[in-house]
Amino acid sequence: MCMLLVFSERVLVLTGMATALGLQNRSLCAARDALLPKLVTGRIDVDSLGIDDGDGWSELADQ
């Protein structure tokens, strides 16, 4: 197979992956932008998730 054809096929795969990752990034940014204000203000309660922050903040919140 011609080296140019092999190169073109590989570049096509990579550009497809870059496009997919760009779409995923936009989706994740939109989710972050929608959720973060609600998490920070407490409109979404995460206490029941049992997440250990590893810094001892959860113990301070219980006092």
C-alpha atoms as a PDB file:
ATOM      1  CA  MET A   1       0.000   0.000   0.000  1.00  0.00           C
ATOM      2  CA  CYS A   2       1.229   3.490  -0.751  1.00  0.00           C
ATOM      3  CA  MET A   3       2.764   5.288   2.217  1.00  0.00           C
ATOM      4  CA  LEU A   4       0.622   8.337   1.525  1.00  0.00           C
ATOM      5  CA  LEU A   5      -2.541   6.233   1.736  1.00  0.00           C
ATOM      6  CA  VAL A   6      -1.422   4.682   5.036  1.00  0.00           C
ATOM      7  CA  PHE A   7      -0.619   8.140   6.397  1.00  0.00           C
ATOM      8  CA  SER A   8      -3.978   9.516   5.235  1.00  0.00           C
ATOM      9  CA  GLU A   9      -5.881   6.675   6.902  1.00  0.00           C
ATOM     10  CA  ARG A  10      -4.042   7.202  10.181  1.00  0.00           C
ATOM     11  CA  VAL A  11      -4.600  10.941  10.086  1.00  0.00           C
ATOM     12  CA  LEU A  12      -8.293  10.350   9.399  1.00  0.00           C
ATOM     13  CA  VAL A  13      -8.536   8.134  12.484  1.00  0.00           C
ATOM     14  CA  LEU A  14      -6.722  10.707  14.611  1.00  0.00           C
ATOM     15  CA  THR A  15      -8.865  13.609  13.427  1.00  0.00           C
ATOM     16  CA  GLY A  16     -11.972  11.552  14.169  1.00  0.00           C
ATOM     17  CA  MET A  17     -10.700  10.909  17.672  1.00  0.00           C
ATOM     18  CA  ALA A  18      -9.875  14.594  18.148  1.00  0.00           C
ATOM     19  CA  THR A  19     -13.386  15.543  17.054  1.00  0.00           C
ATOM     20  CA  ALA A  20     -14.968  13.021  19.424  1.00  0.00           C
ATOM     21  CA  LEU A  21     -12.811  14.238  22.317  1.00  0.00           C
ATOM     22  CA  GLY A  22     -13.706  17.843  21.544  1.00  0.00           C
ATOM     23  CA  LEU A  23     -17.419  17.004  21.702  1.00  0.00           C
ATOM     24  CA  GLN A  24     -16.932  15.116  24.953  1.00  0.00           C
ATOM     25  CA  ASN A  25     -14.990  18.041  26.397  1.00  0.00           C
ATOM     26  CA  ARG A  26     -17.810  20.453  25.561  1.00  0.00           C
ATOM     27  CA  SER A  27     -20.328  18.116  27.152  1.00  0.00           C
ATOM     28  CA  LEU A  28     -18.247  17.776  30.318  1.00  0.00           C
ATOM     29  CA  CYS A  29     -17.766  21.551  30.528  1.00  0.00           C
ATOM     30  CA  ALA A  30     -21.518  22.078  30.267  1.00  0.00           C
ATOM     31  CA  ALA A  31     -22.147  19.524  33.031  1.00  0.00           C
ATOM     32  CA  ARG A  32     -19.498  21.170  35.231  1.00  0.00           C
ATOM     33  CA  ASP A  33     -20.936  24.626  34.634  1.00  0.00           C
ATOM     34  CA  ALA A  34     -24.436  23.409  35.500  1.00  0.00           C
ATOM     35  CA  LEU A  35     -23.504  21.387  38.588  1.00  0.00           C
ATOM     36  CA  LEU A  36     -20.715  23.354  40.258  1.00  0.00           C
ATOM     37  CA  PRO A  37     -22.810  26.356  41.382  1.00  0.00           C
ATOM     38  CA  LYS A  38     -25.422  23.979  42.815  1.00  0.00           C
ATOM     39  CA  LEU A  39     -22.789  21.963  44.654  1.00  0.00           C
ATOM     40  CA  VAL A  40     -21.060  25.038  46.071  1.00  0.00           C
ATOM     41  CA  THR A  41     -24.299  26.618  47.311  1.00  0.00           C
ATOM     42  CA  GLY A  42     -25.574  23.341  48.775  1.00  0.00           C
ATOM     43  CA  ARG A  43     -28.588  23.002  46.481  1.00  0.00           C
ATOM     44  CA  ILE A  44     -27.297  19.502  45.726  1.00  0.00           C
ATOM     45  CA  ASP A  45     -26.677  17.472  48.891  1.00  0.00           C
ATOM     46  CA  VAL A  46     -23.709  15.111  48.697  1.00  0.00           C
ATOM     47  CA  ASP A  47     -23.515  14.138  52.376  1.00  0.00           C
ATOM     48  CA  SER A  48     -25.174  10.783  51.765  1.00  0.00           C
ATOM     49  CA  LEU A  49     -22.549   9.779  49.182  1.00  0.00           C
ATOM     50  CA  GLY A  50     -20.011   8.919  51.884  1.00  0.00           C
ATOM     51  CA  ILE A  51     -17.116  10.526  50.048  1.00  0.00           C
ATOM     52  CA  ASP A  52     -13.939  10.907  52.102  1.00  0.00           C
ATOM     53  CA  ASP A  53     -12.135  14.064  51.039  1.00  0.00           C
ATOM     54  CA  GLY A  54      -8.936  12.878  52.712  1.00  0.00           C
ATOM     55  CA  ASP A  55      -8.305  16.287  54.288  1.00  0.00           C
ATOM     56  CA  GLY A  56     -10.495  16.032  57.359  1.00  0.00           C
ATOM     57  CA  TRP A  57     -13.071  18.543  56.138  1.00  0.00           C
ATOM     58  CA  SER A  58     -15.939  16.127  56.643  1.00  0.00           C
ATOM     59  CA  GLU A  59     -15.095  15.904  60.361  1.00  0.00           C
ATOM     60  CA  LEU A  60     -15.133  19.697  60.661  1.00  0.00           C
ATOM     61  CA  ALA A  61     -18.526  19.882  58.998  1.00  0.00           C
ATOM     62  CA  ASP A  62     -19.965  17.450  61.551  1.00  0.00           C
ATOM     63  CA  GLN A  63     -18.979  19.674  64.514  1.00  0.00           C
END
